[in-house]
C-alpha atoms as a PDB file:
ATOM      1  CA  MET A   1      58.873 -46.690  53.116  1.00  0.00           C
ATOM      2  CA  ARG A   2      61.594 -44.715  52.970  1.00  0.00           C
ATOM      3  CA  LEU A   3      64.558 -44.828  50.764  1.00  0.00           C
ATOM      4  CA  LEU A   4      68.464 -44.912  51.210  1.00  0.00           C
ATOM      5  CA  PRO A   5      69.817 -42.695  48.423  1.00  0.00           C
ATOM      6  CA  VAL A   6      72.007 -43.617  45.312  1.00  0.00           C
ATOM      7  CA  ILE A   7      74.369 -43.384  43.674  1.00  0.00           C
ATOM      8  CA  VAL A   8      75.757 -40.120  44.920  1.00  0.00           C
ATOM      9  CA  SER A   9      76.002 -40.705  48.414  1.00  0.00           C
ATOM     10  CA  SER A  10      77.949 -43.825  47.122  1.00  0.00           C
ATOM     11  CA  LEU A  11      80.606 -42.606  44.062  1.00  0.00           C
ATOM     12  CA  LEU A  12      81.476 -39.920  46.212  1.00  0.00           C
ATOM     13  CA  LEU A  13      82.029 -41.390  49.093  1.00  0.00           C
ATOM     14  CA  CYS A  14      84.985 -43.811  47.328  1.00  0.00           C
ATOM     15  CA  GLY A  15      85.899 -41.883  44.861  1.00  0.00           C
ATOM     16  CA  VAL A  16      89.192 -40.237  44.625  1.00  0.00           C
ATOM     17  CA  SER A  17      91.592 -42.994  42.333  1.00  0.00           C
ATOM     18  CA  SER A  18      95.465 -41.683  43.424  1.00  0.00           C
ATOM     19  CA  ALA A  19      98.921 -42.130  43.692  1.00  0.00           C
ATOM     20  CA  GLN A  20      98.185 -43.764  46.727  1.00  0.00           C
ATOM     21  CA  PHE A  21      97.607 -46.541  45.052  1.00  0.00           C
ATOM     22  CA  SER A  22      93.847 -46.939  45.865  1.00  0.00           C
ATOM     23  CA  PRO A  23      90.553 -45.681  45.622  1.00  0.00           C
ATOM     24  CA  VAL A  24      90.810 -43.265  48.279  1.00  0.00           C
ATOM     25  CA  PRO A  25      87.949 -43.120  51.034  1.00  0.00           C
ATOM     26  CA  PHE A  26      85.421 -39.531  51.314  1.00  0.00           C
ATOM     27  CA  SER A  27      84.520 -40.484  55.292  1.00  0.00           C
ATOM     28  CA  ALA A  28      86.735 -41.805  57.793  1.00  0.00           C
ATOM     29  CA  ARG A  29      83.622 -44.228  57.546  1.00  0.00           C
ATOM     30  CA  SER A  30      84.110 -46.055  54.678  1.00  0.00           C
ATOM     31  CA  ALA A  31      87.307 -46.075  54.859  1.00  0.00           C
ATOM     32  CA  SER A  32      86.901 -48.667  58.471  1.00  0.00           C
ATOM     33  CA  LEU A  33      83.963 -50.171  56.007  1.00  0.00           C
ATOM     34  CA  GLY A  34      86.866 -51.716  53.825  1.00  0.00           C
ATOM     35  CA  GLY A  35      87.050 -48.192  51.477  1.00  0.00           C
ATOM     36  CA  ILE A  36      83.235 -49.849  50.475  1.00  0.00           C
ATOM     37  CA  HIS A  37      80.470 -47.012  49.368  1.00  0.00           C
ATOM     38  CA  ALA A  38      78.801 -46.820  52.247  1.00  0.00           C
ATOM     39  CA  VAL A  39      74.577 -45.623  51.962  1.00  0.00           C
ATOM     40  CA  ASP A  40      74.561 -42.396  53.573  1.00  0.00           C
ATOM     41  CA  THR A  41      71.031 -41.587  54.884  1.00  0.00           C
ATOM     42  CA  VAL A  42      71.519 -37.818  55.919  1.00  0.00           C
ATOM     43  CA  SER A  43      69.465 -35.923  54.630  1.00  0.00           C
ATOM     44  CA  ARG A  44      71.709 -32.719  54.703  1.00  0.00           C
ATOM     45  CA  ARG A  45      75.850 -32.946  55.639  1.00  0.00           C
ATOM     46  CA  ILE A  46      79.063 -30.772  55.515  1.00  0.00           C
ATOM     47  CA  SER A  47      82.251 -33.033  56.052  1.00  0.00           C
ATOM     48  CA  LEU A  48      85.318 -31.979  56.509  1.00  0.00           C
ATOM     49  CA  SER A  49      87.882 -35.826  55.723  1.00  0.00           C
ATOM     50  CA  TYR A  50      91.633 -35.961  56.608  1.00  0.00           C
ATOM     51  CA  ARG A  51      93.862 -38.909  55.590  1.00  0.00           C
ATOM     52  CA  GLN A  52      97.646 -39.540  56.005  1.00  0.00           C
ATOM     53  CA  GLY A  53      98.720 -42.384  53.323  1.00  0.00           C
ATOM     54  CA  TYR A  54     100.999 -44.909  55.334  1.00  0.00           C
ATOM     55  CA  ALA A  55     101.484 -42.245  58.468  1.00  0.00           C
ATOM     56  CA  MET A  56     103.400 -39.898  56.261  1.00  0.00           C
ATOM     57  CA  SER A  57     103.376 -37.023  55.494  1.00  0.00           C
ATOM     58  CA  GLY A  58     104.388 -36.080  52.371  1.00  0.00           C
ATOM     59  CA  LEU A  59     100.931 -38.608  51.257  1.00  0.00           C
ATOM     60  CA  ALA A  60      98.461 -36.342  52.939  1.00  0.00           C
ATOM     61  CA  THR A  61      94.843 -36.145  51.373  1.00  0.00           C
ATOM     62  CA  ARG A  62      92.233 -33.513  52.472  1.00  0.00           C
ATOM     63  CA  MET A  63      88.431 -34.158  51.746  1.00  0.00           C
ATOM     64  CA  LEU A  64      85.389 -31.395  51.682  1.00  0.00           C
ATOM     65  CA  ASP A  65      82.303 -32.612  51.007  1.00  0.00           C
ATOM     66  CA  ALA A  66      78.258 -31.485  51.163  1.00  0.00           C
ATOM     67  CA  ALA A  67      74.797 -32.606  50.860  1.00  0.00           C
ATOM     68  CA  TRP A  68      71.706 -31.981  50.381  1.00  0.00           C
ATOM     69  CA  THR A  69      68.472 -33.376  49.587  1.00  0.00           C
ATOM     70  CA  LEU A  70      65.556 -31.121  47.938  1.00  0.00           C
ATOM     71  CA  GLY A  71      62.669 -32.623  48.852  1.00  0.00           C
ATOM     72  CA  ASN A  72      61.089 -34.643  46.162  1.00  0.00           C
ATOM     73  CA  ARG A  73      63.780 -33.292  43.696  1.00  0.00           C
ATOM     74  CA  GLY A  74      66.196 -35.187  44.567  1.00  0.00           C
ATOM     75  CA  ARG A  75      69.008 -34.976  46.230  1.00  0.00           C
ATOM     76  CA  ILE A  76      72.527 -33.427  45.591  1.00  0.00           C
ATOM     77  CA  GLU A  77      75.919 -33.694  46.161  1.00  0.00           C
ATOM     78  CA  ALA A  78      79.492 -31.966  45.389  1.00  0.00           C
ATOM     79  CA  ALA A  79      82.873 -32.492  46.803  1.00  0.00           C
ATOM     80  CA  TYR A  80      86.530 -31.323  47.470  1.00  0.00           C
ATOM     81  CA  SER A  81      89.516 -32.683  47.864  1.00  0.00           C
ATOM     82  CA  HIS A  82      93.171 -32.375  47.330  1.00  0.00           C
ATOM     83  CA  PHE A  83      96.316 -34.906  47.466  1.00  0.00           C
ATOM     84  CA  GLY A  84     100.353 -34.296  47.586  1.00  0.00           C
ATOM     85  CA  ASP A  85     102.608 -30.656  48.371  1.00  0.00           C
ATOM     86  CA  ALA A  86     104.620 -28.943  46.806  1.00  0.00           C
ATOM     87  CA  ILE A  87     106.766 -32.037  44.084  1.00  0.00           C
ATOM     88  CA  TYR A  88     103.051 -33.958  43.455  1.00  0.00           C
ATOM     89  CA  ARG A  89      99.845 -33.194  43.468  1.00  0.00           C
ATOM     90  CA  GLU A  90      96.157 -34.055  43.308  1.00  0.00           C
ATOM     91  CA  HIS A  91      93.195 -32.502  42.720  1.00  0.00           C
ATOM     92  CA  GLN A  92      89.314 -33.511  42.226  1.00  0.00           C
ATOM     93  CA  ALA A  93      86.018 -31.795  41.859  1.00  0.00           C
ATOM     94  CA  VAL A  94      82.325 -34.121  41.878  1.00  0.00           C
ATOM     95  CA  LEU A  95      78.696 -33.220  41.240  1.00  0.00           C
ATOM     96  CA  GLY A  96      76.432 -35.510  41.453  1.00  0.00           C
ATOM     97  CA  TYR A  97      72.472 -35.451  41.132  1.00  0.00           C
ATOM     98  CA  ASN A  98      70.075 -39.003  42.616  1.00  0.00           C
ATOM     99  CA  LEU A  99      66.973 -39.043  42.018  1.00  0.00           C
ATOM    100  CA  ARG A 100      63.881 -41.966  43.500  1.00  0.00           C
ATOM    101  CA  LEU A 101      61.959 -42.740  40.513  1.00  0.00           C
ATOM    102  CA  SER A 102      59.876 -45.053  42.637  1.00  0.00           C
ATOM    103  CA  ASP A 103      59.001 -46.485  46.582  1.00  0.00           C
ATOM    104  CA  TRP A 104      61.851 -48.779  46.025  1.00  0.00           C
ATOM    105  CA  LEU A 105      63.794 -47.552  43.475  1.00  0.00           C
ATOM    106  CA  SER A 106      66.241 -45.011  42.724  1.00  0.00           C
ATOM    107  CA  ALA A 107      68.956 -43.368  39.956  1.00  0.00           C
ATOM    108  CA  GLY A 108      71.109 -41.269  39.845  1.00  0.00           C
ATOM    109  CA  ILE A 109      74.674 -39.741  38.032  1.00  0.00           C
ATOM    110  CA  ARG A 110      77.324 -38.185  38.361  1.00  0.00           C
ATOM    111  CA  GLY A 111      80.623 -35.818  36.733  1.00  0.00           C
ATOM    112  CA  GLY A 112      83.866 -35.228  37.860  1.00  0.00           C
ATOM    113  CA  TYR A 113      87.060 -32.965  37.515  1.00  0.00           C
ATOM    114  CA  PHE A 114      90.411 -34.822  38.239  1.00  0.00           C
ATOM    115  CA  CYS A 115      93.848 -32.918  37.443  1.00  0.00           C
ATOM    116  CA  VAL A 116      97.258 -34.057  38.501  1.00  0.00           C
ATOM    117  CA  SER A 117      99.947 -31.575  38.139  1.00  0.00           C
ATOM    118  CA  THR A 118     104.275 -30.919  39.628  1.00  0.00           C
ATOM    119  CA  GLY A 119     106.298 -28.565  41.119  1.00  0.00           C
ATOM    120  CA  ASP A 120     108.166 -29.433  37.723  1.00  0.00           C
ATOM    121  CA  ALA A 121     107.489 -26.065  35.422  1.00  0.00           C
ATOM    122  CA  HIS A 122     108.360 -29.240  32.011  1.00  0.00           C
ATOM    123  CA  TYR A 123     105.680 -30.719  32.423  1.00  0.00           C
ATOM    124  CA  GLU A 124     102.476 -29.871  32.412  1.00  0.00           C
ATOM    125  CA  ALA A 125      98.881 -30.304  33.799  1.00  0.00           C
ATOM    126  CA  GLN A 126      97.302 -32.915  33.818  1.00  0.00           C
ATOM    127  CA  GLN A 127      93.495 -32.220  33.914  1.00  0.00           C
ATOM    128  CA  TRP A 128      90.370 -35.286  32.781  1.00  0.00           C
ATOM    129  CA  LEU A 129      86.135 -35.238  32.808  1.00  0.00           C
ATOM    130  CA  ALA A 130      84.820 -38.650  33.731  1.00  0.00           C
ATOM    131  CA  ALA A 131      81.359 -39.654  34.230  1.00  0.00           C
ATOM    132  CA  GLU A 132      79.546 -42.375  36.072  1.00  0.00           C
ATOM    133  CA  ALA A 133      76.312 -43.719  36.940  1.00  0.00           C
ATOM    134  CA  GLY A 134      74.278 -46.220  39.073  1.00  0.00           C
ATOM    135  CA  ILE A 135      70.667 -47.817  40.554  1.00  0.00           C
ATOM    136  CA  GLN A 136      70.420 -48.517  43.533  1.00  0.00           C
ATOM    137  CA  ALA A 137      66.633 -51.096  44.672  1.00  0.00           C
ATOM    138  CA  GLN A 138      65.897 -51.265  48.068  1.00  0.00           C
ATOM    139  CA  LEU A 139      64.250 -54.383  47.443  1.00  0.00           C
ATOM    140  CA  ASN A 140      62.854 -54.773  51.712  1.00  0.00           C
ATOM    141  CA  GLU A 141      64.112 -52.931  54.733  1.00  0.00           C
ATOM    142  CA  SER A 142      66.482 -55.243  55.249  1.00  0.00           C
ATOM    143  CA  LEU A 143      68.174 -55.708  51.269  1.00  0.00           C
ATOM    144  CA  THR A 144      69.281 -53.465  49.763  1.00  0.00           C
ATOM    145  CA  LEU A 145      71.328 -53.977  45.898  1.00  0.00           C
ATOM    146  CA  TYR A 146      72.976 -51.399  43.748  1.00  0.00           C
ATOM    147  CA  ALA A 147      74.638 -51.574  41.100  1.00  0.00           C
ATOM    148  CA  GLU A 148      77.159 -49.008  39.527  1.00  0.00           C
ATOM    149  CA  GLY A 149      79.652 -47.615  36.411  1.00  0.00           C
ATOM    150  CA  GLY A 150      81.422 -45.012  34.527  1.00  0.00           C
ATOM    151  CA  SER A 151      84.050 -44.027  33.380  1.00  0.00           C
ATOM    152  CA  ARG A 152      88.483 -43.230  34.315  1.00  0.00           C
ATOM    153  CA  GLN A 153      89.789 -41.400  32.309  1.00  0.00           C
ATOM    154  CA  TRP A 154      93.101 -40.541  33.669  1.00  0.00           C
ATOM    155  CA  ASP A 155      93.346 -44.983  33.791  1.00  0.00           C
ATOM    156  CA  ARG A 156      94.594 -45.656  29.853  1.00  0.00           C
ATOM    157  CA  SER A 157      94.593 -49.613  30.780  1.00  0.00           C
ATOM    158  CA  LYS A 158      91.517 -49.339  32.499  1.00  0.00           C
ATOM    159  CA  PRO A 159      89.581 -46.089  31.470  1.00  0.00           C
ATOM    160  CA  TRP A 160      85.957 -48.140  32.656  1.00  0.00           C
ATOM    161  CA  LEU A 161      84.624 -48.709  36.887  1.00  0.00           C
ATOM    162  CA  ALA A 162      81.906 -51.353  37.373  1.00  0.00           C
ATOM    163  CA  ARG A 163      80.604 -51.855  40.858  1.00  0.00           C
ATOM    164  CA  ILE A 164      77.979 -54.462  41.928  1.00  0.00           C
ATOM    165  CA  GLY A 165      77.007 -54.398  46.230  1.00  0.00           C
ATOM    166  CA  VAL A 166      74.566 -55.586  48.710  1.00  0.00           C
ATOM    167  CA  GLU A 167      74.009 -54.013  52.084  1.00  0.00           C
ATOM    168  CA  TYR A 168      71.945 -56.272  54.625  1.00  0.00           C
ATOM    169  CA  HIS A 169      70.634 -55.284  57.841  1.00  0.00           C
ATOM    170  CA  ALA A 170      70.575 -58.274  60.358  1.00  0.00           C
ATOM    171  CA  VAL A 171      69.200 -56.898  63.350  1.00  0.00           C
ATOM    172  CA  MET A 172      68.592 -54.121  64.875  1.00  0.00           C
ATOM    173  CA  GLY A 173      71.574 -52.027  65.044  1.00  0.00           C
ATOM    174  CA  LEU A 174      73.664 -54.303  62.605  1.00  0.00           C
ATOM    175  CA  THR A 175      74.603 -53.283  59.215  1.00  0.00           C
ATOM    176  CA  THR A 176      77.035 -55.972  56.546  1.00  0.00           C
ATOM    177  CA  VAL A 177      78.603 -54.560  53.048  1.00  0.00           C
ATOM    178  CA  VAL A 178      79.947 -56.755  50.251  1.00  0.00           C
ATOM    179  CA  GLU A 179      81.266 -55.508  47.910  1.00  0.00           C
ATOM    180  CA  LEU A 180      82.627 -55.711  44.120  1.00  0.00           C
ATOM    181  CA  ASP A 181      84.571 -53.560  41.871  1.00  0.00           C
ATOM    182  CA  SER A 182      86.717 -53.482  37.987  1.00  0.00           C
ATOM    183  CA  ASP A 183      89.661 -51.584  39.630  1.00  0.00           C
ATOM    184  CA  GLU A 184      92.857 -52.749  38.478  1.00  0.00           C
ATOM    185  CA  HIS A 185      92.240 -55.996  40.451  1.00  0.00           C
ATOM    186  CA  THR A 186      89.245 -57.340  40.637  1.00  0.00           C
ATOM    187  CA  ARG A 187      88.703 -56.517  44.472  1.00  0.00           C
ATOM    188  CA  LEU A 188      86.004 -57.853  47.121  1.00  0.00           C
ATOM    189  CA  ARG A 189      84.891 -55.282  49.832  1.00  0.00           C
ATOM    190  CA  ALA A 190      83.297 -56.537  53.016  1.00  0.00           C
ATOM    191  CA  GLY A 191      82.670 -54.192  55.949  1.00  0.00           C
ATOM    192  CA  VAL A 192      79.906 -54.312  58.640  1.00  0.00           C
ATOM    193  CA  GLU A 193      78.759 -51.830  61.198  1.00  0.00           C
ATOM    194  CA  TYR A 194      77.706 -51.933  65.134  1.00  0.00           C
ATOM    195  CA  CYS A 195      74.970 -48.779  65.892  1.00  0.00           C
ATOM    196  CA  TYR A 196      74.769 -48.781  70.269  1.00  0.00           C
ATOM    197  CA  ARG A 197      72.171 -46.345  71.713  1.00  0.00           C
ATOM    198  CA  ARG A 198      71.540 -44.962  68.355  1.00  0.00           C
ATOM    199  CA  HIS A 199      74.785 -42.639  68.631  1.00  0.00           C
ATOM    200  CA  TYR A 200      78.147 -45.038  68.734  1.00  0.00           C
ATOM    201  CA  PHE A 201      79.238 -46.863  65.741  1.00  0.00           C
ATOM    202  CA  LEU A 202      81.855 -49.932  65.572  1.00  0.00           C
ATOM    203  CA  ARG A 203      82.758 -50.806  62.144  1.00  0.00           C
ATOM    204  CA  THR A 204      85.413 -53.023  61.133  1.00  0.00           C
ATOM    205  CA  GLY A 205      86.212 -54.051  57.501  1.00  0.00           C
ATOM    206  CA  LEU A 206      88.274 -55.396  54.812  1.00  0.00           C
ATOM    207  CA  ALA A 207      89.323 -55.357  51.154  1.00  0.00           C
ATOM    208  CA  THR A 208      91.339 -58.298  48.794  1.00  0.00           C
ATOM    209  CA  ARG A 209      94.126 -57.389  46.059  1.00  0.00           C
ATOM    210  CA  PRO A 210      96.133 -56.713  48.216  1.00  0.00           C
ATOM    211  CA  LEU A 211      94.392 -57.214  51.591  1.00  0.00           C
ATOM    212  CA  THR A 212      93.289 -54.002  53.031  1.00  0.00           C
ATOM    213  CA  LEU A 213      92.736 -54.721  57.175  1.00  0.00           C
ATOM    214  CA  ALA A 214      90.100 -51.601  58.717  1.00  0.00           C
ATOM    215  CA  PHE A 215      88.950 -50.272  61.766  1.00  0.00           C
ATOM    216  CA  GLY A 216      86.903 -47.260  63.895  1.00  0.00           C
ATOM    217  CA  PHE A 217      84.476 -46.505  65.608  1.00  0.00           C
ATOM    218  CA  GLY A 218      82.259 -43.247  65.295  1.00  0.00           C
ATOM    219  CA  ALA A 219      80.506 -40.891  67.545  1.00  0.00           C
ATOM    220  CA  ARG A 220      77.090 -38.412  67.167  1.00  0.00           C
ATOM    221  CA  LEU A 221      76.350 -35.719  68.951  1.00  0.00           C
ATOM    222  CA  GLY A 222      73.319 -33.185  68.315  1.00  0.00           C
ATOM    223  CA  ILE A 223      74.190 -32.231  64.893  1.00  0.00           C
ATOM    224  CA  TYR A 224      77.785 -32.970  65.158  1.00  0.00           C
ATOM    225  CA  GLY A 225      79.190 -36.488  64.592  1.00  0.00           C
ATOM    226  CA  ILE A 226      83.101 -37.792  64.366  1.00  0.00           C
ATOM    227  CA  ASP A 227      84.324 -40.414  62.724  1.00  0.00           C
ATOM    228  CA  LEU A 228      88.084 -42.350  63.241  1.00  0.00           C
ATOM    229  CA  ALA A 229      89.116 -44.521  60.849  1.00  0.00           C
ATOM    230  CA  ILE A 230      92.891 -46.934  60.727  1.00  0.00           C
ATOM    231  CA  GLU A 231      93.738 -48.775  57.388  1.00  0.00           C
ATOM    232  CA  ARG A 232      96.300 -51.515  57.714  1.00  0.00           C
ATOM    233  CA  HIS A 233      97.947 -51.962  53.832  1.00  0.00           C
ATOM    234  CA  GLU A 234      98.933 -55.545  52.962  1.00  0.00           C
ATOM    235  CA  TYR A 235     102.811 -53.741  52.588  1.00  0.00           C
ATOM    236  CA  LEU A 236     103.082 -50.928  53.057  1.00  0.00           C
ATOM    237  CA  GLY A 237     101.737 -49.882  56.604  1.00  0.00           C
ATOM    238  CA  PHE A 238      98.459 -48.075  58.118  1.00  0.00           C
ATOM    239  CA  THR A 239      96.472 -44.439  57.469  1.00  0.00           C
ATOM    240  CA  PRO A 240      94.556 -43.423  59.608  1.00  0.00           C
ATOM    241  CA  GLN A 241      91.450 -40.861  58.398  1.00  0.00           C
ATOM    242  CA  ILE A 242      89.486 -38.775  60.289  1.00  0.00           C
ATOM    243  CA  SER A 243      86.025 -37.096  59.375  1.00  0.00           C
ATOM    244  CA  LEU A 244      84.377 -34.100  61.184  1.00  0.00           C
ATOM    245  CA  SER A 245      80.717 -33.804  60.383  1.00  0.00           C
ATOM    246  CA  VAL A 246      77.614 -31.229  61.073  1.00  0.00           C
ATOM    247  CA  CYS A 247      74.090 -32.071  59.972  1.00  0.00           C
ATOM    248  CA  PRO A 248      71.955 -29.320  60.718  1.00  0.00           C
END
């Protein structure tokens, strides 16, 4: 039975805490599923993503992430994101590693660097280091459970984050994911993905507190992939996101 990779693919997909009022998904697939930590089964991937917060050019996020399976030695992933403009900027770099412990169990760790700066010379840039860890259990071919936790030192009011989730494959081509996380408020996220002929995907999802609805689609053409997502925030409106990927 092939194990699904655990923590790095999960944590990197939706890990950027920023001035955009909510965690930012690294991929459009994750965004269209309500921002959940969508499990990534691709053994090798390089992706570019662009996200325009609430359709405002000044709230754009540019992201680059890559993943590579090291045979039986595990899987390594790295990612970088940039948010903002000349007035306010955020940079984040992350590096993670996950290891297969048994036929049904995986575990991993992740380290991150987070920097906030402004165009005003009177304000010094602030920098933080963070660490996270997690575990994932594939109980059978249909059901996978995961739990994650770690530090987020840039938020003094809540410097720790925890998350639990379940992924279920009800029928062929249909995937459902439900997740709870202890962000600023305890949030419920849920998403559904339907795969048509192994190359085309339809997705929808939601998150609570504040209510965010999402939908999107994707396509895989050989080693190339494209994913599009639209999120609608309860108060702030629409956010589009696109991800382009190569899986050599």
